[in-house]
Amino acid sequence: MSPVNYFQIIHKFIPPHSFLYQIYLPHVALVTAKALQIASRLGLSQTQLRFIEEAAMLHDIGVVKVVPYSPPSETQYPYLCHAPFGREMLENEGLPQHALVAERHVGVGITRQEIVEQGLPLPVRDMVPESLEERIIGWADLFYSKRPERLWCEASVAEVERHIAKYGSRQQKVFRQWLREFGENAISRVQSADH
């Protein structure tokens, strides 16, 4: 599979001189760096690393169609909708695997049951990270906000856990599972086993 020119896709939807670009690019770059650091420490292949780089740089592309980033002249969709919009946009670019990352990266994922029970404005299907690459990007994304005042700040594990706890016990359970899999202690155990 040939490398994806993710900047070409980003620039197609987000003009480099725009306010959104000033938010989008730092956010996805920080998420990408964290995801690649974790993937490298876990010993993933060059093919997996390349996919993580591409998908992480594109994971939030759907924000161009939602509040507060969409033009006021367009239909105003809630922020949560950026996930399925991102999937649709990347599928249209011929990137079905990257598209799944865009749809499944929100929080620790959203189940079909949660969409129905909470009446969320989303297609009724599971939007939960499945592959290792999807989970790594989802984990990395938890630590960075797109709020301008927090853009360059990495949240602590405790801060992320408190935030995730607001959404319920399933989310807390997944978070703790990911913490064991991707947290600093997990990475330290992998490094120790290598020596």
C-alpha atoms as a PDB file:
ATOM      1  CA  MET A   1       0.000   0.000   0.000  1.00  0.00           C
ATOM      2  CA  SER A   2       1.472   3.344  -1.020  1.00  0.00           C
ATOM      3  CA  PRO A   3       1.921   6.096   1.598  1.00  0.00           C
ATOM      4  CA  VAL A   4      -0.937   8.552   2.009  1.00  0.00           C
ATOM      5  CA  ASN A   5      -0.218  12.251   1.546  1.00  0.00           C
ATOM      6  CA  TYR A   6      -2.238  13.308   4.568  1.00  0.00           C
ATOM      7  CA  PHE A   7      -1.307  16.975   4.228  1.00  0.00           C
ATOM      8  CA  GLN A   8      -2.890  17.010   0.784  1.00  0.00           C
ATOM      9  CA  ILE A   9      -6.124  15.697   2.314  1.00  0.00           C
ATOM     10  CA  ILE A  10      -5.976  18.077   5.289  1.00  0.00           C
ATOM     11  CA  HIS A  11      -5.398  21.059   2.963  1.00  0.00           C
ATOM     12  CA  LYS A  12      -8.282  19.962   0.754  1.00  0.00           C
ATOM     13  CA  PHE A  13     -10.682  20.492   3.668  1.00  0.00           C
ATOM     14  CA  ILE A  14      -8.907  22.943   5.985  1.00  0.00           C
ATOM     15  CA  PRO A  15      -7.212  26.004   4.469  1.00  0.00           C
ATOM     16  CA  PRO A  16      -3.738  26.505   6.025  1.00  0.00           C
ATOM     17  CA  HIS A  17      -4.492  30.172   6.767  1.00  0.00           C
ATOM     18  CA  SER A  18      -7.702  29.379   8.680  1.00  0.00           C
ATOM     19  CA  PHE A  19      -8.308  29.518  12.432  1.00  0.00           C
ATOM     20  CA  LEU A  20      -9.328  25.844  12.354  1.00  0.00           C
ATOM     21  CA  TYR A  21      -5.943  24.878  10.887  1.00  0.00           C
ATOM     22  CA  GLN A  22      -4.220  26.543  13.858  1.00  0.00           C
ATOM     23  CA  ILE A  23      -6.241  24.251  16.145  1.00  0.00           C
ATOM     24  CA  TYR A  24      -6.329  21.127  14.004  1.00  0.00           C
ATOM     25  CA  LEU A  25      -2.686  20.762  13.100  1.00  0.00           C
ATOM     26  CA  PRO A  26      -1.160  21.006  16.611  1.00  0.00           C
ATOM     27  CA  HIS A  27      -3.820  18.664  17.988  1.00  0.00           C
ATOM     28  CA  VAL A  28      -3.331  15.915  15.421  1.00  0.00           C
ATOM     29  CA  ALA A  29       0.463  16.313  15.469  1.00  0.00           C
ATOM     30  CA  LEU A  30       0.561  15.837  19.255  1.00  0.00           C
ATOM     31  CA  VAL A  31      -1.791  12.846  19.096  1.00  0.00           C
ATOM     32  CA  THR A  32       0.301  11.356  16.280  1.00  0.00           C
ATOM     33  CA  ALA A  33       3.569  11.804  18.192  1.00  0.00           C
ATOM     34  CA  LYS A  34       2.154  10.136  21.310  1.00  0.00           C
ATOM     35  CA  ALA A  35       0.616   7.277  19.307  1.00  0.00           C
ATOM     36  CA  LEU A  36       3.864   6.661  17.417  1.00  0.00           C
ATOM     37  CA  GLN A  37       5.872   6.696  20.638  1.00  0.00           C
ATOM     38  CA  ILE A  38       3.609   4.019  22.128  1.00  0.00           C
ATOM     39  CA  ALA A  39       3.583   1.962  18.927  1.00  0.00           C
ATOM     40  CA  SER A  40       7.386   2.095  18.658  1.00  0.00           C
ATOM     41  CA  ARG A  41       7.837   0.971  22.251  1.00  0.00           C
ATOM     42  CA  LEU A  42       5.430  -1.906  21.642  1.00  0.00           C
ATOM     43  CA  GLY A  43       7.556  -2.980  18.680  1.00  0.00           C
ATOM     44  CA  LEU A  44       4.993  -2.494  15.915  1.00  0.00           C
ATOM     45  CA  SER A  45       6.116  -2.921  12.311  1.00  0.00           C
ATOM     46  CA  GLN A  46       7.026  -0.078   9.950  1.00  0.00           C
ATOM     47  CA  THR A  47       3.764  -0.694   8.071  1.00  0.00           C
ATOM     48  CA  GLN A  48       1.772  -0.333  11.301  1.00  0.00           C
ATOM     49  CA  LEU A  49       3.720   2.791  12.277  1.00  0.00           C
ATOM     50  CA  ARG A  50       3.054   4.375   8.890  1.00  0.00           C
ATOM     51  CA  PHE A  51      -0.666   3.622   9.157  1.00  0.00           C
ATOM     52  CA  ILE A  52      -0.798   5.077  12.681  1.00  0.00           C
ATOM     53  CA  GLU A  53       0.941   8.235  11.470  1.00  0.00           C
ATOM     54  CA  GLU A  54      -1.483   8.695   8.578  1.00  0.00           C
ATOM     55  CA  ALA A  55      -4.652   7.802  10.478  1.00  0.00           C
ATOM     56  CA  ALA A  56      -3.749   9.903  13.520  1.00  0.00           C
ATOM     57  CA  MET A  57      -3.066  12.950  11.331  1.00  0.00           C
ATOM     58  CA  LEU A  58      -6.511  12.494   9.728  1.00  0.00           C
ATOM     59  CA  HIS A  59      -8.580  11.236  12.679  1.00  0.00           C
ATOM     60  CA  ASP A  60     -10.364  14.550  13.323  1.00  0.00           C
ATOM     61  CA  ILE A  61     -10.936  15.650   9.713  1.00  0.00           C
ATOM     62  CA  GLY A  62     -14.707  15.525  10.256  1.00  0.00           C
ATOM     63  CA  VAL A  63     -14.570  18.602  12.522  1.00  0.00           C
ATOM     64  CA  VAL A  64     -14.928  20.785   9.415  1.00  0.00           C
ATOM     65  CA  LYS A  65     -18.622  19.814   9.329  1.00  0.00           C
ATOM     66  CA  VAL A  66     -19.564  20.425  12.979  1.00  0.00           C
ATOM     67  CA  VAL A  67     -20.021  23.206  15.514  1.00  0.00           C
ATOM     68  CA  PRO A  68     -17.951  25.228  16.306  1.00  0.00           C
ATOM     69  CA  TYR A  69     -15.782  24.730  13.209  1.00  0.00           C
ATOM     70  CA  SER A  70     -18.273  24.556  10.333  1.00  0.00           C
ATOM     71  CA  PRO A  71     -19.178  27.756   8.458  1.00  0.00           C
ATOM     72  CA  PRO A  72     -22.270  29.453   9.963  1.00  0.00           C
ATOM     73  CA  SER A  73     -23.962  29.284   6.553  1.00  0.00           C
ATOM     74  CA  GLU A  74     -24.008  25.468   6.667  1.00  0.00           C
ATOM     75  CA  THR A  75     -26.266  23.155   8.670  1.00  0.00           C
ATOM     76  CA  GLN A  76     -25.050  23.132  12.253  1.00  0.00           C
ATOM     77  CA  TYR A  77     -24.280  19.615  13.493  1.00  0.00           C
ATOM     78  CA  PRO A  78     -23.165  18.834  17.066  1.00  0.00           C
ATOM     79  CA  TYR A  79     -19.486  18.135  17.684  1.00  0.00           C
ATOM     80  CA  LEU A  80     -20.018  14.406  18.255  1.00  0.00           C
ATOM     81  CA  CYS A  81     -21.013  14.056  14.596  1.00  0.00           C
ATOM     82  CA  HIS A  82     -17.425  14.721  13.512  1.00  0.00           C
ATOM     83  CA  ALA A  83     -16.731  11.007  13.929  1.00  0.00           C
ATOM     84  CA  PRO A  84     -19.131   9.621  11.302  1.00  0.00           C
ATOM     85  CA  PHE A  85     -18.496  12.649   9.071  1.00  0.00           C
ATOM     86  CA  GLY A  86     -14.770  11.913   9.237  1.00  0.00           C
ATOM     87  CA  ARG A  87     -15.437   8.307   8.275  1.00  0.00           C
ATOM     88  CA  GLU A  88     -17.507   9.367   5.280  1.00  0.00           C
ATOM     89  CA  MET A  89     -14.913  11.919   4.135  1.00  0.00           C
ATOM     90  CA  LEU A  90     -12.027   9.445   4.333  1.00  0.00           C
ATOM     91  CA  GLU A  91     -14.022   6.678   2.640  1.00  0.00           C
ATOM     92  CA  ASN A  92     -14.635   9.156  -0.188  1.00  0.00           C
ATOM     93  CA  GLU A  93     -10.843   9.634  -0.349  1.00  0.00           C
ATOM     94  CA  GLY A  94     -10.439   5.860  -0.807  1.00  0.00           C
ATOM     95  CA  LEU A  95      -9.132   5.255   2.738  1.00  0.00           C
ATOM     96  CA  PRO A  96     -11.542   2.779   4.388  1.00  0.00           C
ATOM     97  CA  GLN A  97      -9.183   1.735   7.224  1.00  0.00           C
ATOM     98  CA  HIS A  98      -8.274   5.340   8.074  1.00  0.00           C
ATOM     99  CA  ALA A  99     -12.009   6.093   7.956  1.00  0.00           C
ATOM    100  CA  LEU A 100     -12.681   3.573  10.728  1.00  0.00           C
ATOM    101  CA  VAL A 101     -10.162   5.343  12.967  1.00  0.00           C
ATOM    102  CA  ALA A 102     -11.951   8.645  12.342  1.00  0.00           C
ATOM    103  CA  GLU A 103     -15.284   7.133  13.353  1.00  0.00           C
ATOM    104  CA  ARG A 104     -14.094   5.091  16.336  1.00  0.00           C
ATOM    105  CA  HIS A 105     -11.671   7.451  18.102  1.00  0.00           C
ATOM    106  CA  VAL A 106     -14.132   9.399  20.299  1.00  0.00           C
ATOM    107  CA  GLY A 107     -13.461   8.738  23.988  1.00  0.00           C
ATOM    108  CA  VAL A 108     -12.970   5.000  24.342  1.00  0.00           C
ATOM    109  CA  GLY A 109     -15.558   4.416  21.638  1.00  0.00           C
ATOM    110  CA  ILE A 110     -19.339   4.523  21.618  1.00  0.00           C
ATOM    111  CA  THR A 111     -21.485   1.393  21.454  1.00  0.00           C
ATOM    112  CA  ARG A 112     -24.660   0.950  19.447  1.00  0.00           C
ATOM    113  CA  GLN A 113     -26.518   0.462  22.745  1.00  0.00           C
ATOM    114  CA  GLU A 114     -25.214   3.778  24.111  1.00  0.00           C
ATOM    115  CA  ILE A 115     -26.252   5.580  20.924  1.00  0.00           C
ATOM    116  CA  VAL A 116     -29.795   4.196  21.251  1.00  0.00           C
ATOM    117  CA  GLU A 117     -30.162   4.614  25.037  1.00  0.00           C
ATOM    118  CA  GLN A 118     -28.792   8.173  25.081  1.00  0.00           C
ATOM    119  CA  GLY A 119     -30.478   9.242  21.854  1.00  0.00           C
ATOM    120  CA  LEU A 120     -27.135  10.373  20.416  1.00  0.00           C
ATOM    121  CA  PRO A 121     -27.231  12.056  16.982  1.00  0.00           C
ATOM    122  CA  LEU A 122     -25.184   9.277  15.393  1.00  0.00           C
ATOM    123  CA  PRO A 123     -25.766   6.355  13.034  1.00  0.00           C
ATOM    124  CA  VAL A 124     -26.922   3.376  15.084  1.00  0.00           C
ATOM    125  CA  ARG A 125     -23.855   1.135  14.978  1.00  0.00           C
ATOM    126  CA  ASP A 126     -20.874   0.322  17.188  1.00  0.00           C
ATOM    127  CA  MET A 127     -18.162   2.972  16.932  1.00  0.00           C
ATOM    128  CA  VAL A 128     -15.610   1.269  19.148  1.00  0.00           C
ATOM    129  CA  PRO A 129     -11.877   0.895  18.385  1.00  0.00           C
ATOM    130  CA  GLU A 130     -11.151  -2.694  17.430  1.00  0.00           C
ATOM    131  CA  SER A 131      -7.648  -2.995  15.982  1.00  0.00           C
ATOM    132  CA  LEU A 132      -4.515  -2.337  17.996  1.00  0.00           C
ATOM    133  CA  GLU A 133      -3.780   0.704  15.827  1.00  0.00           C
ATOM    134  CA  GLU A 134      -7.266   2.112  16.434  1.00  0.00           C
ATOM    135  CA  ARG A 135      -6.892   1.626  20.179  1.00  0.00           C
ATOM    136  CA  ILE A 136      -3.468   3.288  20.276  1.00  0.00           C
ATOM    137  CA  ILE A 137      -4.749   6.373  18.421  1.00  0.00           C
ATOM    138  CA  GLY A 138      -7.859   6.497  20.612  1.00  0.00           C
ATOM    139  CA  TRP A 139      -5.676   6.314  23.731  1.00  0.00           C
ATOM    140  CA  ALA A 140      -3.327   9.064  22.530  1.00  0.00           C
ATOM    141  CA  ASP A 141      -6.256  11.307  21.597  1.00  0.00           C
ATOM    142  CA  LEU A 142      -7.604  11.171  25.159  1.00  0.00           C
ATOM    143  CA  PHE A 143      -4.658  13.262  26.366  1.00  0.00           C
ATOM    144  CA  TYR A 144      -5.040  16.292  24.077  1.00  0.00           C
ATOM    145  CA  SER A 145      -7.812  18.866  23.794  1.00  0.00           C
ATOM    146  CA  LYS A 146      -8.652  21.142  20.892  1.00  0.00           C
ATOM    147  CA  ARG A 147      -9.552  23.949  23.287  1.00  0.00           C
ATOM    148  CA  PRO A 148      -7.119  26.781  22.455  1.00  0.00           C
ATOM    149  CA  GLU A 149      -6.106  27.311  26.085  1.00  0.00           C
ATOM    150  CA  ARG A 150      -5.248  23.580  26.478  1.00  0.00           C
ATOM    151  CA  LEU A 151      -4.007  22.885  22.962  1.00  0.00           C
ATOM    152  CA  TRP A 152      -0.356  22.266  23.831  1.00  0.00           C
ATOM    153  CA  CYS A 153      -0.969  20.701  27.255  1.00  0.00           C
ATOM    154  CA  GLU A 154      -0.936  16.943  27.750  1.00  0.00           C
ATOM    155  CA  ALA A 155      -3.494  15.869  30.334  1.00  0.00           C
ATOM    156  CA  SER A 156      -2.370  13.580  33.134  1.00  0.00           C
ATOM    157  CA  VAL A 157      -3.669  10.020  33.431  1.00  0.00           C
ATOM    158  CA  ALA A 158      -5.655  11.121  36.508  1.00  0.00           C
ATOM    159  CA  GLU A 159      -7.271  13.999  34.591  1.00  0.00           C
ATOM    160  CA  VAL A 160      -8.234  11.731  31.698  1.00  0.00           C
ATOM    161  CA  GLU A 161      -9.591   9.084  34.064  1.00  0.00           C
ATOM    162  CA  ARG A 162     -11.760  11.654  35.856  1.00  0.00           C
ATOM    163  CA  HIS A 163     -13.114  12.845  32.515  1.00  0.00           C
ATOM    164  CA  ILE A 164     -13.822   9.311  31.270  1.00  0.00           C
ATOM    165  CA  ALA A 165     -15.549   8.389  34.561  1.00  0.00           C
ATOM    166  CA  LYS A 166     -18.322  10.890  33.748  1.00  0.00           C
ATOM    167  CA  TYR A 167     -19.482   8.651  30.905  1.00  0.00           C
ATOM    168  CA  GLY A 168     -20.031   5.440  32.835  1.00  0.00           C
ATOM    169  CA  SER A 169     -18.621   2.149  34.067  1.00  0.00           C
ATOM    170  CA  ARG A 170     -18.013   0.622  30.631  1.00  0.00           C
ATOM    171  CA  GLN A 171     -15.864   3.600  29.708  1.00  0.00           C
ATOM    172  CA  GLN A 172     -13.935   3.372  32.983  1.00  0.00           C
ATOM    173  CA  LYS A 173     -13.316  -0.334  32.424  1.00  0.00           C
ATOM    174  CA  VAL A 174     -12.013   0.256  28.875  1.00  0.00           C
ATOM    175  CA  PHE A 175      -9.855   3.136  30.082  1.00  0.00           C
ATOM    176  CA  ARG A 176      -8.230   0.945  32.746  1.00  0.00           C
ATOM    177  CA  GLN A 177      -7.691  -1.817  30.206  1.00  0.00           C
ATOM    178  CA  TRP A 178      -5.998   0.652  27.834  1.00  0.00           C
ATOM    179  CA  LEU A 179      -3.952   2.030  30.730  1.00  0.00           C
ATOM    180  CA  ARG A 180      -2.601  -1.476  31.394  1.00  0.00           C
ATOM    181  CA  GLU A 181      -1.947  -1.913  27.669  1.00  0.00           C
ATOM    182  CA  PHE A 182      -0.512   1.502  26.746  1.00  0.00           C
ATOM    183  CA  GLY A 183       0.305   3.390  29.953  1.00  0.00           C
ATOM    184  CA  GLU A 184       3.852   4.136  31.059  1.00  0.00           C
ATOM    185  CA  ASN A 185       3.921   1.109  33.386  1.00  0.00           C
ATOM    186  CA  ALA A 186       2.888  -1.202  30.545  1.00  0.00           C
ATOM    187  CA  ILE A 187       5.568   0.258  28.316  1.00  0.00           C
ATOM    188  CA  SER A 188       8.146  -0.091  31.116  1.00  0.00           C
ATOM    189  CA  ARG A 189       7.225  -3.778  31.472  1.00  0.00           C
ATOM    190  CA  VAL A 190       7.718  -4.301  27.710  1.00  0.00           C
ATOM    191  CA  GLN A 191      11.128  -2.587  27.854  1.00  0.00           C
ATOM    192  CA  SER A 192      12.173  -4.604  30.918  1.00  0.00           C
ATOM    193  CA  ALA A 193      11.221  -7.855  29.199  1.00  0.00           C
ATOM    194  CA  ASP A 194      13.425  -6.886  26.243  1.00  0.00           C
ATOM    195  CA  HIS A 195      16.543  -6.513  28.451  1.00  0.00           C
END
